[in-house]
Amino acid sequence: MIKQIGPDGLIFFMFSAANLHWPKLHQLMPSNGNRKTSAKRHHQNIVDNPHIADWFFYKQFEIFFNDILKKQWDLKDWWFRFKWQYRGSVHVHGIRKEKMHLQ
């Protein structure tokens, strides 16, 4: 991307999942019969249901990116990818280019 559009106006960003602290995520978990689920149970939910956690993170990021970042940063070009830590927690890395720095 830098070779194609140059480095001016490029900004790196990263967003991490707070997957142990998202009540709405844990309400989606199959084993969530009790609203007062322990942190240990939240962790086990993530381990047992990575597909639900990944989908939830993707949807949260998609909404945030489209409704906030694109508009707030007036984005023209961007790139991002998802990565998973050894414990299964997802995060996203990306770069964005400001419109005013496009050639």
PDB file of N, CA and C in Angstrom:
ATOM      1  N   MET A   1       0.836  -1.193   0.000  1.00  0.00           N
ATOM      2  CA  MET A   1       0.000   0.000   0.000  1.00  0.00           C
ATOM      3  C   MET A   1       0.875   1.248   0.000  1.00  0.00           C
ATOM      4  N   ILE A   2       1.963   1.227   0.770  1.00  0.00           N
ATOM      5  CA  ILE A   2       2.843   2.398   0.833  1.00  0.00           C
ATOM      6  C   ILE A   2       3.467   2.667  -0.528  1.00  0.00           C
ATOM      7  N   LYS A   3       3.886   1.610  -1.245  1.00  0.00           N
ATOM      8  CA  LYS A   3       4.471   1.792  -2.576  1.00  0.00           C
ATOM      9  C   LYS A   3       3.456   2.371  -3.551  1.00  0.00           C
ATOM     10  N   GLN A   4       2.199   2.006  -3.392  1.00  0.00           N
ATOM     11  CA  GLN A   4       1.174   2.459  -4.328  1.00  0.00           C
ATOM     12  C   GLN A   4       0.682   3.873  -4.038  1.00  0.00           C
ATOM     13  N   ILE A   5       0.469   4.203  -2.767  1.00  0.00           N
ATOM     14  CA  ILE A   5      -0.149   5.504  -2.465  1.00  0.00           C
ATOM     15  C   ILE A   5       0.702   6.409  -1.584  1.00  0.00           C
ATOM     16  N   GLY A   6       1.895   5.949  -1.189  1.00  0.00           N
ATOM     17  CA  GLY A   6       2.789   6.775  -0.386  1.00  0.00           C
ATOM     18  C   GLY A   6       2.482   6.726   1.101  1.00  0.00           C
ATOM     19  N   PRO A   7       3.453   7.155   1.938  1.00  0.00           N
ATOM     20  CA  PRO A   7       3.295   7.050   3.389  1.00  0.00           C
ATOM     21  C   PRO A   7       2.550   8.219   4.045  1.00  0.00           C
ATOM     22  N   ASP A   8       2.386   9.337   3.349  1.00  0.00           N
ATOM     23  CA  ASP A   8       1.748  10.506   3.968  1.00  0.00           C
ATOM     24  C   ASP A   8       0.294  10.214   4.325  1.00  0.00           C
ATOM     25  N   GLY A   9      -0.059  10.505   5.559  1.00  0.00           N
ATOM     26  CA  GLY A   9      -1.429  10.332   6.009  1.00  0.00           C
ATOM     27  C   GLY A   9      -1.799   8.920   6.416  1.00  0.00           C
ATOM     28  N   LEU A  10      -0.822   8.001   6.431  1.00  0.00           N
ATOM     29  CA  LEU A  10      -1.109   6.628   6.852  1.00  0.00           C
ATOM     30  C   LEU A  10      -1.081   6.535   8.369  1.00  0.00           C
ATOM     31  N   ILE A  11      -2.051   5.873   8.925  1.00  0.00           N
ATOM     32  CA  ILE A  11      -2.117   5.679  10.373  1.00  0.00           C
ATOM     33  C   ILE A  11      -2.424   4.217  10.650  1.00  0.00           C
ATOM     34  N   PHE A  12      -1.651   3.626  11.562  1.00  0.00           N
ATOM     35  CA  PHE A  12      -1.850   2.241  11.990  1.00  0.00           C
ATOM     36  C   PHE A  12      -2.877   2.222  13.111  1.00  0.00           C
ATOM     37  N   PHE A  13      -3.760   1.224  13.105  1.00  0.00           N
ATOM     38  CA  PHE A  13      -4.706   1.078  14.212  1.00  0.00           C
ATOM     39  C   PHE A  13      -4.831  -0.379  14.622  1.00  0.00           C
ATOM     40  N   MET A  14      -5.229  -0.584  15.870  1.00  0.00           N
ATOM     41  CA  MET A  14      -5.452  -1.921  16.398  1.00  0.00           C
ATOM     42  C   MET A  14      -6.620  -1.869  17.379  1.00  0.00           C
ATOM     43  N   PHE A  15      -7.481  -2.856  17.284  1.00  0.00           N
ATOM     44  CA  PHE A  15      -8.595  -2.990  18.208  1.00  0.00           C
ATOM     45  C   PHE A  15      -8.579  -4.402  18.764  1.00  0.00           C
ATOM     46  N   SER A  16      -8.736  -4.517  20.058  1.00  0.00           N
ATOM     47  CA  SER A  16      -8.726  -5.817  20.731  1.00  0.00           C
ATOM     48  C   SER A  16     -10.104  -6.122  21.301  1.00  0.00           C
ATOM     49  N   ALA A  17     -10.369  -7.406  21.441  1.00  0.00           N
ATOM     50  CA  ALA A  17     -11.646  -7.845  22.003  1.00  0.00           C
ATOM     51  C   ALA A  17     -11.586  -7.823  23.520  1.00  0.00           C
ATOM     52  N   ALA A  18     -12.613  -7.282  24.122  1.00  0.00           N
ATOM     53  CA  ALA A  18     -12.781  -7.368  25.578  1.00  0.00           C
ATOM     54  C   ALA A  18     -13.773  -8.492  25.839  1.00  0.00           C
ATOM     55  N   ASN A  19     -13.457  -9.665  25.278  1.00  0.00           N
ATOM     56  CA  ASN A  19     -14.452 -10.732  25.231  1.00  0.00           C
ATOM     57  C   ASN A  19     -14.865 -11.297  26.583  1.00  0.00           C
ATOM     58  N   LEU A  20     -14.107 -11.056  27.624  1.00  0.00           N
ATOM     59  CA  LEU A  20     -14.537 -11.495  28.955  1.00  0.00           C
ATOM     60  C   LEU A  20     -15.452 -10.471  29.622  1.00  0.00           C
ATOM     61  N   HIS A  21     -15.557  -9.281  29.021  1.00  0.00           N
ATOM     62  CA  HIS A  21     -16.303  -8.180  29.641  1.00  0.00           C
ATOM     63  C   HIS A  21     -17.453  -7.670  28.772  1.00  0.00           C
ATOM     64  N   TRP A  22     -17.919  -8.481  27.834  1.00  0.00           N
ATOM     65  CA  TRP A  22     -19.038  -8.102  26.983  1.00  0.00           C
ATOM     66  C   TRP A  22     -20.266  -8.895  27.391  1.00  0.00           C
ATOM     67  N   PRO A  23     -21.133  -8.345  28.211  1.00  0.00           N
ATOM     68  CA  PRO A  23     -22.327  -9.089  28.636  1.00  0.00           C
ATOM     69  C   PRO A  23     -23.168  -9.595  27.462  1.00  0.00           C
ATOM     70  N   LYS A  24     -23.292  -8.791  26.412  1.00  0.00           N
ATOM     71  CA  LYS A  24     -24.105  -9.215  25.263  1.00  0.00           C
ATOM     72  C   LYS A  24     -23.512 -10.441  24.574  1.00  0.00           C
ATOM     73  N   LEU A  25     -22.197 -10.532  24.539  1.00  0.00           N
ATOM     74  CA  LEU A  25     -21.553 -11.726  23.977  1.00  0.00           C
ATOM     75  C   LEU A  25     -21.902 -12.953  24.796  1.00  0.00           C
ATOM     76  N   HIS A  26     -21.808 -12.847  26.095  1.00  0.00           N
ATOM     77  CA  HIS A  26     -22.032 -14.012  26.949  1.00  0.00           C
ATOM     78  C   HIS A  26     -23.507 -14.400  27.034  1.00  0.00           C
ATOM     79  N   GLN A  27     -24.392 -13.471  26.714  1.00  0.00           N
ATOM     80  CA  GLN A  27     -25.808 -13.832  26.621  1.00  0.00           C
ATOM     81  C   GLN A  27     -26.070 -14.749  25.426  1.00  0.00           C
ATOM     82  N   LEU A  28     -25.182 -14.712  24.433  1.00  0.00           N
ATOM     83  CA  LEU A  28     -25.324 -15.564  23.251  1.00  0.00           C
ATOM     84  C   LEU A  28     -24.799 -16.981  23.467  1.00  0.00           C
ATOM     85  N   MET A  29     -24.045 -17.175  24.524  1.00  0.00           N
ATOM     86  CA  MET A  29     -23.413 -18.474  24.761  1.00  0.00           C
ATOM     87  C   MET A  29     -24.442 -19.522  25.183  1.00  0.00           C
ATOM     88  N   PRO A  30     -24.305 -20.748  24.651  1.00  0.00           N
ATOM     89  CA  PRO A  30     -25.265 -21.810  24.963  1.00  0.00           C
ATOM     90  C   PRO A  30     -25.353 -22.151  26.448  1.00  0.00           C
ATOM     91  N   SER A  31     -24.249 -22.031  27.173  1.00  0.00           N
ATOM     92  CA  SER A  31     -24.242 -22.441  28.585  1.00  0.00           C
ATOM     93  C   SER A  31     -24.602 -21.312  29.534  1.00  0.00           C
ATOM     94  N   ASN A  32     -25.102 -20.202  29.008  1.00  0.00           N
ATOM     95  CA  ASN A  32     -25.375 -19.041  29.852  1.00  0.00           C
ATOM     96  C   ASN A  32     -26.806 -19.081  30.390  1.00  0.00           C
ATOM     97  N   GLY A  33     -27.050 -19.969  31.331  1.00  0.00           N
ATOM     98  CA  GLY A  33     -28.362 -20.026  31.954  1.00  0.00           C
ATOM     99  C   GLY A  33     -28.494 -19.055  33.109  1.00  0.00           C
ATOM    100  N   ASN A  34     -27.360 -18.570  33.607  1.00  0.00           N
ATOM    101  CA  ASN A  34     -27.342 -17.679  34.765  1.00  0.00           C
ATOM    102  C   ASN A  34     -26.692 -16.358  34.369  1.00  0.00           C
ATOM    103  N   ARG A  35     -27.353 -15.246  34.593  1.00  0.00           N
ATOM    104  CA  ARG A  35     -26.798 -13.932  34.225  1.00  0.00           C
ATOM    105  C   ARG A  35     -25.556 -13.578  35.043  1.00  0.00           C
ATOM    106  N   LYS A  36     -25.420 -14.120  36.242  1.00  0.00           N
ATOM    107  CA  LYS A  36     -24.267 -13.818  37.095  1.00  0.00           C
ATOM    108  C   LYS A  36     -23.189 -14.876  36.887  1.00  0.00           C
ATOM    109  N   THR A  37     -22.748 -15.002  35.655  1.00  0.00           N
ATOM    110  CA  THR A  37     -21.741 -15.985  35.301  1.00  0.00           C
ATOM    111  C   THR A  37     -20.373 -15.500  35.763  1.00  0.00           C
ATOM    112  N   SER A  38     -19.566 -16.412  36.253  1.00  0.00           N
ATOM    113  CA  SER A  38     -18.238 -16.067  36.757  1.00  0.00           C
ATOM    114  C   SER A  38     -17.270 -15.781  35.612  1.00  0.00           C
ATOM    115  N   ALA A  39     -16.175 -15.117  35.947  1.00  0.00           N
ATOM    116  CA  ALA A  39     -15.124 -14.846  34.967  1.00  0.00           C
ATOM    117  C   ALA A  39     -14.559 -16.152  34.420  1.00  0.00           C
ATOM    118  N   LYS A  40     -14.456 -17.148  35.275  1.00  0.00           N
ATOM    119  CA  LYS A  40     -13.959 -18.457  34.833  1.00  0.00           C
ATOM    120  C   LYS A  40     -14.911 -19.062  33.795  1.00  0.00           C
ATOM    121  N   ARG A  41     -16.203 -18.935  34.019  1.00  0.00           N
ATOM    122  CA  ARG A  41     -17.198 -19.449  33.070  1.00  0.00           C
ATOM    123  C   ARG A  41     -17.156 -18.653  31.774  1.00  0.00           C
ATOM    124  N   HIS A  42     -16.969 -17.338  31.862  1.00  0.00           N
ATOM    125  CA  HIS A  42     -16.839 -16.513  30.656  1.00  0.00           C
ATOM    126  C   HIS A  42     -15.659 -16.989  29.824  1.00  0.00           C
ATOM    127  N   HIS A  43     -14.539 -17.222  30.481  1.00  0.00           N
ATOM    128  CA  HIS A  43     -13.354 -17.708  29.772  1.00  0.00           C
ATOM    129  C   HIS A  43     -13.648 -19.050  29.103  1.00  0.00           C
ATOM    130  N   GLN A  44     -14.293 -19.953  29.817  1.00  0.00           N
ATOM    131  CA  GLN A  44     -14.599 -21.265  29.249  1.00  0.00           C
ATOM    132  C   GLN A  44     -15.580 -21.145  28.085  1.00  0.00           C
ATOM    133  N   ASN A  45     -16.506 -20.209  28.170  1.00  0.00           N
ATOM    134  CA  ASN A  45     -17.421 -19.959  27.050  1.00  0.00           C
ATOM    135  C   ASN A  45     -16.659 -19.591  25.784  1.00  0.00           C
ATOM    136  N   ILE A  46     -15.648 -18.740  25.928  1.00  0.00           N
ATOM    137  CA  ILE A  46     -14.836 -18.324  24.780  1.00  0.00           C
ATOM    138  C   ILE A  46     -14.086 -19.521  24.211  1.00  0.00           C
ATOM    139  N   VAL A  47     -13.502 -20.326  25.085  1.00  0.00           N
ATOM    140  CA  VAL A  47     -12.752 -21.515  24.658  1.00  0.00           C
ATOM    141  C   VAL A  47     -13.675 -22.509  23.949  1.00  0.00           C
ATOM    142  N   ASP A  48     -14.854 -22.730  24.503  1.00  0.00           N
ATOM    143  CA  ASP A  48     -15.784 -23.724  23.959  1.00  0.00           C
ATOM    144  C   ASP A  48     -16.551 -23.243  22.728  1.00  0.00           C
ATOM    145  N   ASN A  49     -16.660 -21.947  22.554  1.00  0.00           N
ATOM    146  CA  ASN A  49     -17.480 -21.383  21.468  1.00  0.00           C
ATOM    147  C   ASN A  49     -16.740 -20.282  20.709  1.00  0.00           C
ATOM    148  N   PRO A  50     -15.565 -20.584  20.156  1.00  0.00           N
ATOM    149  CA  PRO A  50     -14.802 -19.529  19.481  1.00  0.00           C
ATOM    150  C   PRO A  50     -15.543 -18.942  18.279  1.00  0.00           C
ATOM    151  N   HIS A  51     -16.367 -19.730  17.634  1.00  0.00           N
ATOM    152  CA  HIS A  51     -17.114 -19.235  16.477  1.00  0.00           C
ATOM    153  C   HIS A  51     -18.085 -18.120  16.872  1.00  0.00           C
ATOM    154  N   ILE A  52     -18.691 -18.230  18.037  1.00  0.00           N
ATOM    155  CA  ILE A  52     -19.611 -17.186  18.509  1.00  0.00           C
ATOM    156  C   ILE A  52     -18.824 -15.928  18.872  1.00  0.00           C
ATOM    157  N   ALA A  53     -17.709 -16.106  19.582  1.00  0.00           N
ATOM    158  CA  ALA A  53     -16.879 -14.959  19.976  1.00  0.00           C
ATOM    159  C   ALA A  53     -16.311 -14.245  18.751  1.00  0.00           C
ATOM    160  N   ASP A  54     -15.850 -15.008  17.754  1.00  0.00           N
ATOM    161  CA  ASP A  54     -15.295 -14.403  16.544  1.00  0.00           C
ATOM    162  C   ASP A  54     -16.359 -13.646  15.758  1.00  0.00           C
ATOM    163  N   TRP A  55     -17.531 -14.262  15.614  1.00  0.00           N
ATOM    164  CA  TRP A  55     -18.620 -13.600  14.901  1.00  0.00           C
ATOM    165  C   TRP A  55     -19.005 -12.301  15.603  1.00  0.00           C
ATOM    166  N   PHE A  56     -19.119 -12.350  16.932  1.00  0.00           N
ATOM    167  CA  PHE A  56     -19.515 -11.178  17.707  1.00  0.00           C
ATOM    168  C   PHE A  56     -18.482 -10.059  17.550  1.00  0.00           C
ATOM    169  N   PHE A  57     -17.196 -10.399  17.656  1.00  0.00           N
ATOM    170  CA  PHE A  57     -16.149  -9.391  17.491  1.00  0.00           C
ATOM    171  C   PHE A  57     -16.203  -8.789  16.090  1.00  0.00           C
ATOM    172  N   TYR A  58     -16.338  -9.654  15.085  1.00  0.00           N
ATOM    173  CA  TYR A  58     -16.394  -9.162  13.710  1.00  0.00           C
ATOM    174  C   TYR A  58     -17.559  -8.188  13.530  1.00  0.00           C
ATOM    175  N   LYS A  59     -18.736  -8.528  14.037  1.00  0.00           N
ATOM    176  CA  LYS A  59     -19.892  -7.649  13.898  1.00  0.00           C
ATOM    177  C   LYS A  59     -19.683  -6.333  14.649  1.00  0.00           C
ATOM    178  N   GLN A  60     -19.115  -6.406  15.853  1.00  0.00           N
ATOM    179  CA  GLN A  60     -18.842  -5.184  16.623  1.00  0.00           C
ATOM    180  C   GLN A  60     -17.867  -4.283  15.858  1.00  0.00           C
ATOM    181  N   PHE A  61     -16.792  -4.887  15.322  1.00  0.00           N
ATOM    182  CA  PHE A  61     -15.807  -4.105  14.577  1.00  0.00           C
ATOM    183  C   PHE A  61     -16.415  -3.551  13.290  1.00  0.00           C
ATOM    184  N   GLU A  62     -17.186  -4.360  12.587  1.00  0.00           N
ATOM    185  CA  GLU A  62     -17.808  -3.920  11.333  1.00  0.00           C
ATOM    186  C   GLU A  62     -18.702  -2.696  11.564  1.00  0.00           C
ATOM    187  N   ILE A  63     -19.517  -2.747  12.581  1.00  0.00           N
ATOM    188  CA  ILE A  63     -20.394  -1.614  12.904  1.00  0.00           C
ATOM    189  C   ILE A  63     -19.564  -0.386  13.281  1.00  0.00           C
ATOM    190  N   PHE A  64     -18.571  -0.578  14.151  1.00  0.00           N
ATOM    191  CA  PHE A  64     -17.714   0.530  14.574  1.00  0.00           C
ATOM    192  C   PHE A  64     -16.960   1.122  13.383  1.00  0.00           C
ATOM    193  N   PHE A  65     -16.402   0.255  12.540  1.00  0.00           N
ATOM    194  CA  PHE A  65     -15.633   0.727  11.386  1.00  0.00           C
ATOM    195  C   PHE A  65     -16.523   1.502  10.416  1.00  0.00           C
ATOM    196  N   ASN A  66     -17.659   0.929  10.055  1.00  0.00           N
ATOM    197  CA  ASN A  66     -18.532   1.561   9.056  1.00  0.00           C
ATOM    198  C   ASN A  66     -19.262   2.792   9.572  1.00  0.00           C
ATOM    199  N   ASP A  67     -19.730   2.745  10.801  1.00  0.00           N
ATOM    200  CA  ASP A  67     -20.547   3.842  11.317  1.00  0.00           C
ATOM    201  C   ASP A  67     -19.754   4.950  12.003  1.00  0.00           C
ATOM    202  N   ILE A  68     -18.568   4.624  12.492  1.00  0.00           N
ATOM    203  CA  ILE A  68     -17.779   5.624  13.222  1.00  0.00           C
ATOM    204  C   ILE A  68     -16.495   5.981  12.471  1.00  0.00           C
ATOM    205  N   LEU A  69     -15.607   5.004  12.298  1.00  0.00           N
ATOM    206  CA  LEU A  69     -14.283   5.314  11.756  1.00  0.00           C
ATOM    207  C   LEU A  69     -14.322   5.862  10.335  1.00  0.00           C
ATOM    208  N   LYS A  70     -15.077   5.240   9.459  1.00  0.00           N
ATOM    209  CA  LYS A  70     -15.135   5.718   8.074  1.00  0.00           C
ATOM    210  C   LYS A  70     -15.621   7.164   8.012  1.00  0.00           C
ATOM    211  N   LYS A  71     -16.607   7.474   8.818  1.00  0.00           N
ATOM    212  CA  LYS A  71     -17.167   8.826   8.803  1.00  0.00           C
ATOM    213  C   LYS A  71     -16.276   9.815   9.548  1.00  0.00           C
ATOM    214  N   GLN A  72     -15.819   9.429  10.734  1.00  0.00           N
ATOM    215  CA  GLN A  72     -15.007  10.328  11.557  1.00  0.00           C
ATOM    216  C   GLN A  72     -13.663  10.633  10.891  1.00  0.00           C
ATOM    217  N   TRP A  73     -13.043   9.596  10.332  1.00  0.00           N
ATOM    218  CA  TRP A  73     -11.731   9.767   9.708  1.00  0.00           C
ATOM    219  C   TRP A  73     -11.831  10.121   8.227  1.00  0.00           C
ATOM    220  N   ASP A  74     -13.034  10.159   7.672  1.00  0.00           N
ATOM    221  CA  ASP A  74     -13.233  10.459   6.255  1.00  0.00           C
ATOM    222  C   ASP A  74     -12.340   9.557   5.394  1.00  0.00           C
ATOM    223  N   LEU A  75     -12.462   8.261   5.596  1.00  0.00           N
ATOM    224  CA  LEU A  75     -11.571   7.292   4.966  1.00  0.00           C
ATOM    225  C   LEU A  75     -11.822   7.140   3.473  1.00  0.00           C
ATOM    226  N   LYS A  76     -10.742   6.983   2.752  1.00  0.00           N
ATOM    227  CA  LYS A  76     -10.798   6.664   1.327  1.00  0.00           C
ATOM    228  C   LYS A  76     -10.195   5.280   1.086  1.00  0.00           C
ATOM    229  N   ASP A  77      -9.069   4.997   1.699  1.00  0.00           N
ATOM    230  CA  ASP A  77      -8.387   3.712   1.557  1.00  0.00           C
ATOM    231  C   ASP A  77      -8.081   3.140   2.924  1.00  0.00           C
ATOM    232  N   TRP A  78      -8.152   1.824   3.038  1.00  0.00           N
ATOM    233  CA  TRP A  78      -7.825   1.146   4.291  1.00  0.00           C
ATOM    234  C   TRP A  78      -7.530  -0.313   4.010  1.00  0.00           C
ATOM    235  N   TRP A  79      -6.902  -0.934   4.972  1.00  0.00           N
ATOM    236  CA  TRP A  79      -6.611  -2.369   4.943  1.00  0.00           C
ATOM    237  C   TRP A  79      -6.591  -2.833   6.384  1.00  0.00           C
ATOM    238  N   PHE A  80      -7.144  -4.006   6.653  1.00  0.00           N
ATOM    239  CA  PHE A  80      -7.053  -4.573   7.997  1.00  0.00           C
ATOM    240  C   PHE A  80      -7.119  -6.088   7.926  1.00  0.00           C
ATOM    241  N   ARG A  81      -6.634  -6.716   9.004  1.00  0.00           N
ATOM    242  CA  ARG A  81      -6.705  -8.171   9.104  1.00  0.00           C
ATOM    243  C   ARG A  81      -6.951  -8.552  10.552  1.00  0.00           C
ATOM    244  N   PHE A  82      -7.531  -9.724  10.721  1.00  0.00           N
ATOM    245  CA  PHE A  82      -7.828 -10.256  12.047  1.00  0.00           C
ATOM    246  C   PHE A  82      -6.743 -11.244  12.441  1.00  0.00           C
ATOM    247  N   LYS A  83      -6.389 -11.226  13.720  1.00  0.00           N
ATOM    248  CA  LYS A  83      -5.397 -12.161  14.261  1.00  0.00           C
ATOM    249  C   LYS A  83      -5.927 -12.718  15.577  1.00  0.00           C
ATOM    250  N   TRP A  84      -5.471 -13.916  15.901  1.00  0.00           N
ATOM    251  CA  TRP A  84      -5.894 -14.570  17.139  1.00  0.00           C
ATOM    252  C   TRP A  84      -4.691 -14.841  18.013  1.00  0.00           C
ATOM    253  N   GLN A  85      -4.813 -14.503  19.289  1.00  0.00           N
ATOM    254  CA  GLN A  85      -3.761 -14.775  20.256  1.00  0.00           C
ATOM    255  C   GLN A  85      -3.831 -16.239  20.654  1.00  0.00           C
ATOM    256  N   TYR A  86      -2.799 -16.709  21.306  1.00  0.00           N
ATOM    257  CA  TYR A  86      -2.732 -18.124  21.692  1.00  0.00           C
ATOM    258  C   TYR A  86      -3.922 -18.553  22.540  1.00  0.00           C
ATOM    259  N   ARG A  87      -4.481 -17.634  23.298  1.00  0.00           N
ATOM    260  CA  ARG A  87      -5.616 -18.005  24.152  1.00  0.00           C
ATOM    261  C   ARG A  87      -6.952 -17.888  23.422  1.00  0.00           C
ATOM    262  N   GLY A  88      -6.900 -17.544  22.153  1.00  0.00           N
ATOM    263  CA  GLY A  88      -8.107 -17.498  21.337  1.00  0.00           C
ATOM    264  C   GLY A  88      -8.744 -16.136  21.182  1.00  0.00           C
ATOM    265  N   SER A  89      -8.215 -15.125  21.855  1.00  0.00           N
ATOM    266  CA  SER A  89      -8.791 -13.789  21.776  1.00  0.00           C
ATOM    267  C   SER A  89      -8.412 -13.131  20.446  1.00  0.00           C
ATOM    268  N   VAL A  90      -9.380 -12.533  19.797  1.00  0.00           N
ATOM    269  CA  VAL A  90      -9.173 -11.940  18.483  1.00  0.00           C
ATOM    270  C   VAL A  90      -8.859 -10.448  18.600  1.00  0.00           C
ATOM    271  N   HIS A  91      -8.090  -9.949  17.649  1.00  0.00           N
ATOM    272  CA  HIS A  91      -7.877  -8.514  17.517  1.00  0.00           C
ATOM    273  C   HIS A  91      -7.674  -8.206  16.034  1.00  0.00           C
ATOM    274  N   VAL A  92      -7.742  -6.943  15.693  1.00  0.00           N
ATOM    275  CA  VAL A  92      -7.611  -6.535  14.301  1.00  0.00           C
ATOM    276  C   VAL A  92      -6.543  -5.452  14.204  1.00  0.00           C
ATOM    277  N   HIS A  93      -5.695  -5.577  13.175  1.00  0.00           N
ATOM    278  CA  HIS A  93      -4.675  -4.583  12.850  1.00  0.00           C
ATOM    279  C   HIS A  93      -5.050  -3.974  11.506  1.00  0.00           C
ATOM    280  N   GLY A  94      -4.760  -2.707  11.338  1.00  0.00           N
ATOM    281  CA  GLY A  94      -5.044  -2.099  10.050  1.00  0.00           C
ATOM    282  C   GLY A  94      -4.302  -0.801   9.848  1.00  0.00           C
ATOM    283  N   ILE A  95      -4.374  -0.322   8.625  1.00  0.00           N
ATOM    284  CA  ILE A  95      -3.854   1.004   8.304  1.00  0.00           C
ATOM    285  C   ILE A  95      -4.944   1.736   7.527  1.00  0.00           C
ATOM    286  N   ARG A  96      -4.907   3.020   7.649  1.00  0.00           N
ATOM    287  CA  ARG A  96      -5.873   3.836   6.927  1.00  0.00           C
ATOM    288  C   ARG A  96      -5.158   5.038   6.323  1.00  0.00           C
ATOM    289  N   LYS A  97      -5.743   5.559   5.278  1.00  0.00           N
ATOM    290  CA  LYS A  97      -5.188   6.705   4.565  1.00  0.00           C
ATOM    291  C   LYS A  97      -6.221   7.819   4.571  1.00  0.00           C
ATOM    292  N   GLU A  98      -5.790   8.996   5.001  1.00  0.00           N
ATOM    293  CA  GLU A  98      -6.678  10.153   5.000  1.00  0.00           C
ATOM    294  C   GLU A  98      -6.920  10.631   3.572  1.00  0.00           C
ATOM    295  N   LYS A  99      -8.129  11.086   3.297  1.00  0.00           N
ATOM    296  CA  LYS A  99      -8.455  11.588   1.958  1.00  0.00           C
ATOM    297  C   LYS A  99      -7.565  12.753   1.554  1.00  0.00           C
ATOM    298  N   MET A 100      -7.290  13.645   2.502  1.00  0.00           N
ATOM    299  CA  MET A 100      -6.532  14.850   2.153  1.00  0.00           C
ATOM    300  C   MET A 100      -5.101  14.532   1.727  1.00  0.00           C
ATOM    301  N   HIS A 101      -4.612  13.319   2.042  1.00  0.00           N
ATOM    302  CA  HIS A 101      -3.259  12.947   1.648  1.00  0.00           C
ATOM    303  C   HIS A 101      -3.229  12.078   0.399  1.00  0.00           C
ATOM    304  N   LEU A 102      -4.370  11.828  -0.214  1.00  0.00           N
ATOM    305  CA  LEU A 102      -4.394  11.040  -1.445  1.00  0.00           C
ATOM    306  C   LEU A 102      -3.891  11.881  -2.599  1.00  0.00           C
ATOM    307  N   GLN A 103      -3.239  11.204  -3.524  1.00  0.00           N
ATOM    308  CA  GLN A 103      -2.678  11.927  -4.674  1.00  0.00           C
ATOM    309  C   GLN A 103      -3.520  11.714  -5.899  1.00  0.00           C
TER     310      GLN A 103
END
